[in-house]
Amino acid sequence: MDNEDVDEKESEIANSSRSNSLTLHPDKVVANAQAAAAIAQKSYLFSHQIKDLKARLMKIMSDEAEAAAELNDEHAQQVKQKFRDYETLKKEFQAMDIDITTDSELLTNYFQKFQTHRNGVAMGTLTVLEVEEILNILYNLEYLLHHVDNAKVFADMQGMSKIVSPCLNGTNSEIKAEALRLLGAAVQSNPKVQLEALQNDFVQKLLHILVTNTKMEVRSRCLFALSALIRQFPAAQKVWIDHGGVEIFGKILLDDQLQVQMKVMKLINDLIIERQNLQEVADTEQLKVKTEAYAVANIEQKLLTYDYCKHLSNLLAKTFKDELNNQYRTDNYEFLETISESMITIVPVCKDQFRENKDALLPVIQRLLNFYQNSEPVVEQDENEVLNNLVLLIEKLQTVVSEIPHDEL
C-alpha cells in the first residue's frame, strides 16, 4: 500500500467512528478504536524507508545473538563445573569407596588375580572356592574380549601363554571348557589375535584336546575355538591340515556325539564356502593373493585323501534311515539340516565319491522325502515351519545328487 492510500483509509475510519459514536455499543467502540490504532501503527511503519527498517531489524537480531551467547557461555561454565576428567573422578569415587576402572585396568586386575592361582591350576590342587574364582575370572575376561580392541590388548599382555595355556594344560574340565570359550572369543574375526594364537601353537593344542578328551562340553568348546581360529585364515588352516585335522574330522563322522559331528560338518562347510567365495573378489591383485594362500592349504585334496566324502555320505544314509525308523524325532531336525546342507555344499569336491554311492543315497533320500510329504506329522505348530524347511532342503539335496553324472564308458 502507498502512504496516500493508508492516509485515506485512516480518514475514512476516523469519520466513520465519529458518525456512529452515539449508536454503537460501548464494546464495539473500543474494538474500533483498537483497529484504528493498529492501522495507525502500520502507517507509521510504512512511513519509514526500507533501509531504516532493515537496520533496526539487524540491531534486534544482533542484540538477541549477544544475549544467547552470554547464556551459552554461562551454560558452558555450568557444564564444565559439573564434569571432571577421568583421574579427578577416580580420586573422588575412591574417596567414597567407589571403584571405577577402564577395560585395560580390568584386564590387568584379572591377570594379577589369575597369577595367584596359576600353580594350583597346573598341579590340580585347587579348592572348590579357588575353582569358582578362576571360572569367574575367565568368564569376565571372555565378556571383555568380545570387544576387538580388548582382545588385542589381551594378546599384547601375553594372555595366550599366561592364562589360556595353563588352563588348557590343567586337569580341571570346567576350567578347560571356560578357557576354550575365552580363546574362541579372543580370536573370532580378529586377525591379529588369530596370528598370536597360531604362533603359540594353539591349533596343535586344540587338536590334541579333541582327540584325547572325552567330555562332550570340552570337545564342543574345543571345536568352537578351533573354528574361530582357522576360519578366514589360510595359514592356520594349513597347520590344521598338516597336523591331521581332516583325518581327525573324518573319524569323528564315523562315530561320535551328534553335537560334535555337527560342529565338524559346519566348520568344513564354512571352509568350502570360503573357497567358493573367491569367485566374488573383484580386485585382480587381491584375488591372486587369496587364491595362492588358499592353494597352499589344499583342503579339497585332503578331504578326498582321508575319505571325508565317503564318511559324510555314509553318515547321511544312516541318519536318514534312523529318522524313518524313529518317525519324527523333532530333536533330530537340526542334525538332519546340518548334514543335508553339508552334502549340498561339498558336492563339487566329492562328486566322484558321491557318484560311487549314488545308488545307495538316492533311494533313502527319496524314502524320507516321501515320508515327510505323504504323512500327517504329529508335531507342534511352531515345529511345522522347521519341518517344511527341512523338506525343501531334502528336495534340493535329491536334485543335486540326481544331477551327478554317471561314470562315462
Protein backbone atom coordinates (compact mmCIF):
# COMPACT_ATOMS: atom_id res chain seq x y z
CA MET A 1 0.00 0.00 0.00
CA ASP A 2 1.13 3.57 -0.73
CA ASN A 3 1.27 6.11 2.06
CA GLU A 4 -1.56 8.11 0.46
CA ASP A 5 -3.83 5.06 0.47
CA VAL A 6 -3.10 4.49 4.14
CA ASP A 7 -3.90 8.12 4.99
CA GLU A 8 -7.22 7.91 3.08
CA LYS A 9 -8.12 4.71 4.88
CA GLU A 10 -7.35 6.26 8.25
CA SER A 11 -9.52 9.29 7.40
CA GLU A 12 -12.44 7.07 6.44
CA ILE A 13 -12.18 5.06 9.66
CA ALA A 14 -11.98 8.20 11.75
CA ASN A 15 -15.09 9.76 10.09
CA SER A 16 -16.97 6.50 10.45
CA SER A 17 -16.15 6.32 14.14
CA ARG A 18 -17.38 9.85 14.74
CA SER A 19 -20.65 9.37 12.84
CA ASN A 20 -21.54 6.17 14.68
CA SER A 21 -20.32 7.06 18.14
CA LEU A 22 -23.86 7.56 19.56
CA THR A 23 -25.37 4.42 18.17
CA LEU A 24 -22.58 1.81 18.65
CA HIS A 25 -22.36 -0.46 21.69
CA PRO A 26 -19.50 0.63 24.05
CA ASP A 27 -17.61 -2.65 23.37
CA LYS A 28 -17.72 -2.06 19.65
CA VAL A 29 -16.45 1.47 20.20
CA VAL A 30 -13.40 0.04 21.98
CA ALA A 31 -12.85 -2.52 19.23
CA ASN A 32 -13.00 0.11 16.52
CA ALA A 33 -10.60 2.28 18.46
CA GLN A 34 -8.13 -0.63 18.71
CA ALA A 35 -8.41 -1.31 14.97
CA ALA A 36 -7.75 2.33 14.23
CA ALA A 37 -4.67 2.23 16.46
CA ALA A 38 -3.36 -0.86 14.65
CA ILE A 39 -3.73 0.79 11.28
CA ALA A 40 -2.08 3.91 12.59
CA GLN A 41 0.86 1.76 13.72
CA LYS A 42 1.10 0.21 10.26
CA SER A 43 1.09 3.64 8.65
CA TYR A 44 3.92 4.57 10.99
CA LEU A 45 5.97 1.57 9.81
CA PHE A 46 5.32 2.28 6.16
CA SER A 47 6.33 5.90 6.59
CA HIS A 48 9.98 4.77 7.13
CA GLN A 49 12.43 3.82 4.46
CA ILE A 50 13.15 0.10 3.85
CA LYS A 51 16.86 0.60 4.66
CA ASP A 52 15.92 2.10 8.01
CA LEU A 53 13.68 -0.89 8.83
CA LYS A 54 16.45 -3.34 7.84
CA ALA A 55 18.91 -1.55 10.08
CA ARG A 56 16.54 -1.76 13.02
CA LEU A 57 15.89 -5.46 12.33
CA MET A 58 19.63 -6.19 12.20
CA LYS A 59 20.13 -4.46 15.54
CA ILE A 60 17.38 -6.55 17.12
CA MET A 61 18.96 -9.77 15.80
CA SER A 62 22.41 -8.69 16.98
CA ASP A 63 21.10 -7.98 20.46
CA GLU A 64 19.43 -11.38 20.59
CA ALA A 65 22.62 -13.13 19.44
CA GLU A 66 24.68 -11.40 22.12
CA ALA A 67 22.16 -12.42 24.75
CA ALA A 68 22.18 -16.02 23.51
CA ALA A 69 26.00 -16.10 23.52
CA GLU A 70 26.04 -14.88 27.10
CA LEU A 71 23.59 -17.62 28.04
CA ASN A 72 25.66 -20.23 26.18
CA ASP A 73 28.86 -19.12 27.90
CA GLU A 74 27.12 -19.28 31.23
CA HIS A 75 25.73 -22.76 30.39
CA ALA A 76 29.16 -23.97 29.25
CA GLN A 77 30.68 -22.82 32.52
CA GLN A 78 27.98 -24.66 34.44
CA VAL A 79 28.56 -27.86 32.41
CA LYS A 80 32.31 -27.57 32.86
CA GLN A 81 31.87 -27.24 36.60
CA LYS A 82 29.70 -30.36 36.67
CA PHE A 83 32.17 -32.62 34.80
CA ARG A 84 35.65 -33.82 35.82
CA ASP A 85 38.45 -35.52 33.96
CA TYR A 86 38.95 -39.27 34.49
CA GLU A 87 41.69 -39.01 37.15
CA THR A 88 39.74 -36.45 39.18
CA LEU A 89 36.60 -38.57 39.05
CA LYS A 90 38.57 -41.65 40.03
CA LYS A 91 40.01 -39.92 43.12
CA GLU A 92 36.60 -38.64 44.13
CA PHE A 93 35.00 -42.07 43.78
CA GLN A 94 37.86 -43.73 45.64
CA ALA A 95 37.36 -41.26 48.49
CA MET A 96 33.78 -42.53 48.68
CA ASP A 97 34.94 -46.18 48.48
CA ILE A 98 33.56 -46.46 44.94
CA ASP A 99 36.00 -48.01 42.42
CA ILE A 100 35.87 -47.25 38.69
CA THR A 101 38.21 -48.80 36.15
CA THR A 102 38.86 -48.86 32.41
CA ASP A 103 38.80 -52.10 30.41
CA SER A 104 42.60 -52.07 30.36
CA GLU A 105 42.73 -51.79 34.14
CA LEU A 106 40.21 -54.59 34.46
CA LEU A 107 42.35 -56.83 32.25
CA THR A 108 45.42 -56.08 34.37
CA ASN A 109 43.44 -56.81 37.53
CA TYR A 110 42.24 -60.19 36.21
CA PHE A 111 45.77 -61.10 35.10
CA GLN A 112 47.07 -60.42 38.59
CA LYS A 113 44.28 -62.42 40.23
CA PHE A 114 44.87 -65.38 37.93
CA GLN A 115 48.62 -65.48 38.61
CA THR A 116 47.94 -66.23 42.27
CA HIS A 117 46.23 -69.48 41.19
CA ARG A 118 48.48 -70.46 38.27
CA ASN A 119 50.45 -73.14 40.14
CA GLY A 120 47.26 -74.62 41.53
CA VAL A 121 45.79 -74.84 38.02
CA ALA A 122 48.87 -76.64 36.70
CA MET A 123 49.14 -79.06 39.64
CA GLY A 124 45.42 -79.70 40.06
CA THR A 125 45.42 -78.70 43.73
CA LEU A 126 42.69 -76.09 43.63
CA THR A 127 39.99 -75.90 46.28
CA VAL A 128 36.32 -75.56 45.30
CA LEU A 129 36.38 -71.84 46.10
CA GLU A 130 39.54 -71.34 44.04
CA VAL A 131 37.97 -73.11 41.08
CA GLU A 132 34.95 -70.81 41.35
CA GLU A 133 37.19 -67.75 41.45
CA ILE A 134 39.14 -68.86 38.36
CA LEU A 135 35.91 -69.60 36.49
CA ASN A 136 34.70 -66.12 37.40
CA ILE A 137 37.95 -64.57 36.12
CA LEU A 138 37.70 -66.47 32.82
CA TYR A 139 34.02 -65.60 32.43
CA ASN A 140 34.67 -61.88 32.95
CA LEU A 141 37.64 -61.94 30.59
CA GLU A 142 35.54 -63.66 27.93
CA TYR A 143 32.94 -60.89 28.25
CA LEU A 144 35.61 -58.21 27.80
CA LEU A 145 37.30 -59.92 24.85
CA HIS A 146 34.21 -59.75 22.66
CA HIS A 147 35.43 -56.20 22.07
CA VAL A 148 38.07 -56.42 19.32
CA ASP A 149 40.43 -53.87 20.90
CA ASN A 150 40.31 -55.60 24.27
CA ALA A 151 41.22 -58.90 22.59
CA LYS A 152 44.26 -57.21 21.03
CA VAL A 153 45.33 -55.83 24.42
CA PHE A 154 44.87 -59.30 25.91
CA ALA A 155 47.17 -60.76 23.26
CA ASP A 156 49.75 -57.99 23.78
CA MET A 157 49.71 -58.79 27.52
CA GLN A 158 50.62 -62.40 26.60
CA GLY A 159 47.25 -63.67 27.69
CA MET A 160 47.63 -66.73 25.47
CA SER A 161 50.66 -68.02 27.36
CA LYS A 162 49.87 -66.59 30.80
CA ILE A 163 46.19 -67.55 31.09
CA VAL A 164 44.81 -69.73 28.26
CA SER A 165 47.67 -72.25 28.01
CA PRO A 166 47.85 -73.03 31.76
CA CYS A 167 44.09 -73.64 31.81
CA LEU A 168 44.22 -75.97 28.80
CA ASN A 169 47.17 -77.87 30.25
CA GLY A 170 45.43 -78.33 33.61
CA THR A 171 43.21 -81.22 34.63
CA ASN A 172 40.02 -79.41 35.63
CA SER A 173 37.39 -79.87 32.87
CA GLU A 174 35.28 -76.86 33.91
CA ILE A 175 38.29 -74.53 33.75
CA LYS A 176 39.39 -76.06 30.46
CA ALA A 177 35.94 -75.58 28.89
CA GLU A 178 35.75 -71.94 30.05
CA ALA A 179 39.28 -71.25 28.78
CA LEU A 180 38.32 -72.65 25.37
CA ARG A 181 35.35 -70.31 25.21
CA LEU A 182 37.65 -67.44 26.18
CA LEU A 183 40.08 -68.39 23.39
CA GLY A 184 37.25 -68.53 20.85
CA ALA A 185 36.01 -65.08 21.85
CA ALA A 186 39.53 -63.63 21.61
CA VAL A 187 40.38 -64.90 18.11
CA GLN A 188 36.95 -64.59 16.48
CA SER A 189 37.15 -62.23 13.47
CA ASN A 190 40.38 -60.77 14.86
CA PRO A 191 43.39 -61.44 12.54
CA LYS A 192 46.00 -60.06 14.94
CA VAL A 193 44.88 -62.33 17.78
CA GLN A 194 44.48 -65.27 15.38
CA LEU A 195 48.13 -64.86 14.44
CA GLU A 196 49.16 -64.68 18.10
CA ALA A 197 47.26 -67.91 18.82
CA LEU A 198 48.82 -69.61 15.80
CA GLN A 199 52.30 -68.64 16.93
CA ASN A 200 51.54 -70.12 20.36
CA ASP A 201 50.72 -73.49 18.73
CA PHE A 202 47.06 -73.43 19.66
CA VAL A 203 45.96 -75.31 16.54
CA GLN A 204 48.02 -78.30 17.66
CA LYS A 205 46.84 -77.95 21.27
CA LEU A 206 43.19 -77.88 20.23
CA LEU A 207 43.54 -80.95 18.04
CA HIS A 208 45.23 -82.78 20.93
CA ILE A 209 42.33 -81.93 23.26
CA LEU A 210 39.81 -83.00 20.63
CA VAL A 211 41.45 -86.42 20.31
CA THR A 212 42.24 -87.11 23.98
CA ASN A 213 39.38 -85.54 25.95
CA THR A 214 36.12 -87.42 26.44
CA LYS A 215 33.98 -84.64 27.96
CA MET A 216 31.34 -83.52 25.47
CA GLU A 217 31.33 -79.90 26.67
CA VAL A 218 35.11 -79.65 26.42
CA ARG A 219 35.19 -81.15 22.91
CA SER A 220 32.33 -78.95 21.73
CA ARG A 221 34.03 -75.80 23.07
CA CYS A 222 37.29 -77.02 21.53
CA LEU A 223 35.68 -77.11 18.08
CA PHE A 224 34.22 -73.64 18.66
CA ALA A 225 37.69 -72.26 19.43
CA LEU A 226 39.29 -74.13 16.52
CA SER A 227 36.63 -72.88 14.12
CA ALA A 228 37.13 -69.26 15.25
CA LEU A 229 40.89 -69.66 14.92
CA ILE A 230 41.18 -71.09 11.40
CA ARG A 231 38.25 -69.53 9.54
CA GLN A 232 39.33 -66.85 7.03
CA PHE A 233 42.94 -67.71 7.98
CA PRO A 234 44.60 -69.97 5.35
CA ALA A 235 47.91 -70.16 7.25
CA ALA A 236 46.15 -71.65 10.27
CA GLN A 237 44.18 -73.97 8.01
CA LYS A 238 47.43 -75.36 6.61
CA VAL A 239 48.74 -76.03 10.13
CA TRP A 240 45.43 -77.74 10.93
CA ILE A 241 45.80 -79.95 7.83
CA ASP A 242 49.48 -80.68 8.47
CA HIS A 243 48.65 -81.95 11.96
CA GLY A 244 45.95 -84.35 10.80
CA GLY A 245 42.89 -82.13 11.16
CA VAL A 246 40.98 -83.56 8.19
CA GLU A 247 41.76 -87.13 9.21
CA ILE A 248 40.57 -86.44 12.78
CA PHE A 249 37.36 -84.90 11.45
CA GLY A 250 36.70 -87.90 9.23
CA LYS A 251 36.99 -90.25 12.20
CA ILE A 252 34.55 -88.07 14.15
CA LEU A 253 31.97 -88.59 11.39
CA LEU A 254 32.44 -92.35 11.71
CA ASP A 255 31.47 -92.49 15.36
CA ASP A 256 30.99 -89.65 17.83
CA GLN A 257 28.45 -87.50 19.63
CA LEU A 258 25.93 -85.72 17.38
CA GLN A 259 26.81 -82.27 18.69
CA VAL A 260 30.49 -82.81 17.93
CA GLN A 261 29.69 -84.20 14.48
CA MET A 262 27.51 -81.18 13.70
CA LYS A 263 30.30 -78.75 14.59
CA VAL A 264 32.73 -80.66 12.40
CA MET A 265 30.37 -80.55 9.41
CA LYS A 266 29.63 -76.85 9.89
CA LEU A 267 33.33 -75.99 10.02
CA ILE A 268 34.13 -77.97 6.86
CA ASN A 269 31.11 -76.32 5.23
CA ASP A 270 32.46 -72.85 6.10
CA LEU A 271 35.93 -73.68 4.76
CA ILE A 272 34.48 -74.86 1.43
CA ILE A 273 32.30 -71.74 1.13
CA GLU A 274 35.36 -69.54 1.79
CA ARG A 275 36.96 -71.01 -1.31
CA GLN A 276 33.80 -70.70 -3.38
CA ASN A 277 33.51 -67.03 -2.42
CA LEU A 278 36.89 -66.29 -4.02
CA GLN A 279 34.99 -66.02 -7.31
CA GLU A 280 33.31 -62.87 -6.00
CA VAL A 281 36.59 -60.99 -5.36
CA ALA A 282 36.64 -58.18 -7.92
CA ASP A 283 40.16 -56.86 -7.34
CA THR A 284 42.58 -58.86 -9.53
CA GLU A 285 45.61 -58.47 -7.27
CA GLN A 286 43.66 -59.35 -4.13
CA LEU A 287 42.17 -62.38 -5.89
CA LYS A 288 45.65 -63.60 -6.86
CA VAL A 289 46.97 -63.28 -3.30
CA LYS A 290 43.98 -65.04 -1.76
CA THR A 291 43.97 -67.82 -4.35
CA GLU A 292 47.65 -68.55 -3.72
CA ALA A 293 47.10 -68.54 0.06
CA TYR A 294 44.20 -70.99 -0.13
CA ALA A 295 46.05 -73.17 -2.66
CA VAL A 296 48.76 -73.82 -0.06
CA ALA A 297 46.09 -75.18 2.27
CA ASN A 298 44.67 -77.66 -0.25
CA ILE A 299 41.71 -78.83 1.82
CA GLU A 300 39.81 -80.28 -1.13
CA GLN A 301 42.52 -82.85 -1.85
CA LYS A 302 42.83 -83.80 1.82
CA LEU A 303 39.07 -84.38 2.07
CA LEU A 304 39.41 -86.95 -0.70
CA THR A 305 42.60 -88.48 0.67
CA TYR A 306 41.16 -89.18 4.10
CA ASP A 307 37.74 -90.37 2.86
CA TYR A 308 35.83 -87.48 4.41
CA CYS A 309 33.36 -87.54 1.49
CA LYS A 310 32.73 -91.26 1.95
CA HIS A 311 32.22 -90.89 5.71
CA LEU A 312 29.81 -87.98 5.15
CA SER A 313 27.62 -89.84 2.63
CA ASN A 314 27.52 -92.94 4.87
CA LEU A 315 26.53 -90.80 7.85
CA LEU A 316 23.72 -89.22 5.82
CA ALA A 317 22.33 -92.61 4.78
CA LYS A 318 22.46 -93.88 8.36
CA THR A 319 20.84 -90.73 9.78
CA PHE A 320 18.01 -90.74 7.24
CA LYS A 321 17.29 -94.42 7.96
CA ASP A 322 17.22 -93.73 11.70
CA GLU A 323 14.77 -90.90 11.14
CA LEU A 324 12.46 -93.20 9.17
CA ASN A 325 12.57 -95.80 11.94
CA ASN A 326 12.01 -93.33 14.77
CA GLN A 327 9.36 -91.28 12.90
CA TYR A 328 9.69 -87.57 13.56
CA ARG A 329 12.39 -87.22 16.15
CA THR A 330 12.00 -83.45 16.40
CA ASP A 331 15.20 -83.17 18.41
CA ASN A 332 17.00 -84.54 15.34
CA TYR A 333 15.88 -81.88 12.84
CA GLU A 334 18.95 -79.68 13.32
CA PHE A 335 21.26 -82.60 12.65
CA LEU A 336 19.30 -83.53 9.51
CA GLU A 337 19.51 -79.94 8.28
CA THR A 338 23.24 -79.74 9.00
CA ILE A 339 24.14 -82.93 7.17
CA SER A 340 21.88 -82.08 4.20
CA GLU A 341 23.43 -78.61 3.83
CA SER A 342 26.91 -80.10 4.17
CA MET A 343 26.24 -82.66 1.43
CA ILE A 344 24.90 -79.96 -0.92
CA THR A 345 27.86 -77.63 -0.33
CA ILE A 346 30.54 -80.28 -0.73
CA VAL A 347 29.19 -81.93 -3.92
CA PRO A 348 31.68 -80.10 -6.23
CA VAL A 349 34.55 -81.55 -4.18
CA CYS A 350 33.10 -85.01 -3.53
CA LYS A 351 31.17 -85.70 -6.72
CA ASP A 352 33.28 -88.74 -7.67
CA GLN A 353 32.77 -90.36 -4.25
CA PHE A 354 29.08 -89.45 -4.23
CA ARG A 355 28.71 -90.93 -7.71
CA GLU A 356 30.01 -94.27 -6.44
CA ASN A 357 27.46 -94.17 -3.61
CA LYS A 358 24.66 -92.63 -5.66
CA ASP A 359 22.58 -95.82 -5.99
CA ALA A 360 22.52 -96.18 -2.21
CA LEU A 361 21.97 -92.47 -1.43
CA LEU A 362 19.06 -91.65 -3.75
CA PRO A 363 16.62 -94.33 -2.50
CA VAL A 364 17.00 -93.38 1.16
CA ILE A 365 16.68 -89.67 0.33
CA GLN A 366 13.54 -90.38 -1.69
CA ARG A 367 12.02 -92.54 1.06
CA LEU A 368 12.49 -89.88 3.72
CA LEU A 369 11.13 -87.20 1.40
CA ASN A 370 8.03 -89.29 0.63
CA PHE A 371 7.56 -89.97 4.32
CA TYR A 372 7.51 -86.28 5.15
CA GLN A 373 5.37 -85.29 2.17
CA ASN A 374 2.71 -88.03 2.44
CA SER A 375 2.39 -88.48 6.19
CA GLU A 376 0.45 -86.41 8.68
CA PRO A 377 3.17 -85.36 11.08
CA VAL A 378 2.33 -85.22 14.77
CA VAL A 379 4.29 -82.08 15.64
CA GLU A 380 3.66 -78.82 17.44
CA GLN A 381 2.60 -75.79 15.42
CA ASP A 382 5.94 -73.99 15.88
CA GLU A 383 7.79 -77.11 14.68
CA ASN A 384 5.77 -77.30 11.49
CA GLU A 385 7.74 -74.48 9.84
CA VAL A 386 11.02 -76.20 10.76
CA LEU A 387 9.77 -79.41 9.17
CA ASN A 388 8.69 -77.59 5.99
CA ASN A 389 12.14 -76.01 5.66
CA LEU A 390 13.73 -79.42 6.14
CA VAL A 391 11.57 -80.89 3.36
CA LEU A 392 12.67 -78.12 0.97
CA LEU A 393 16.30 -78.79 1.86
CA ILE A 394 15.97 -82.53 1.26
CA GLU A 395 14.29 -81.83 -2.09
CA LYS A 396 17.28 -79.72 -3.07
CA LEU A 397 19.64 -82.48 -1.91
CA GLN A 398 17.76 -85.01 -4.01
CA THR A 399 18.09 -82.78 -7.08
CA VAL A 400 21.81 -82.18 -6.52
CA VAL A 401 22.63 -85.89 -6.06
CA SER A 402 20.44 -86.87 -9.02
CA GLU A 403 22.33 -84.49 -11.30
CA ILE A 404 25.71 -86.08 -10.53
CA PRO A 405 26.62 -87.72 -13.87
CA HIS A 406 27.21 -91.47 -14.06
CA ASP A 407 30.60 -92.88 -14.93
CA GLU A 408 31.41 -92.47 -18.59
CA LEU A 409 32.03 -95.68 -20.52
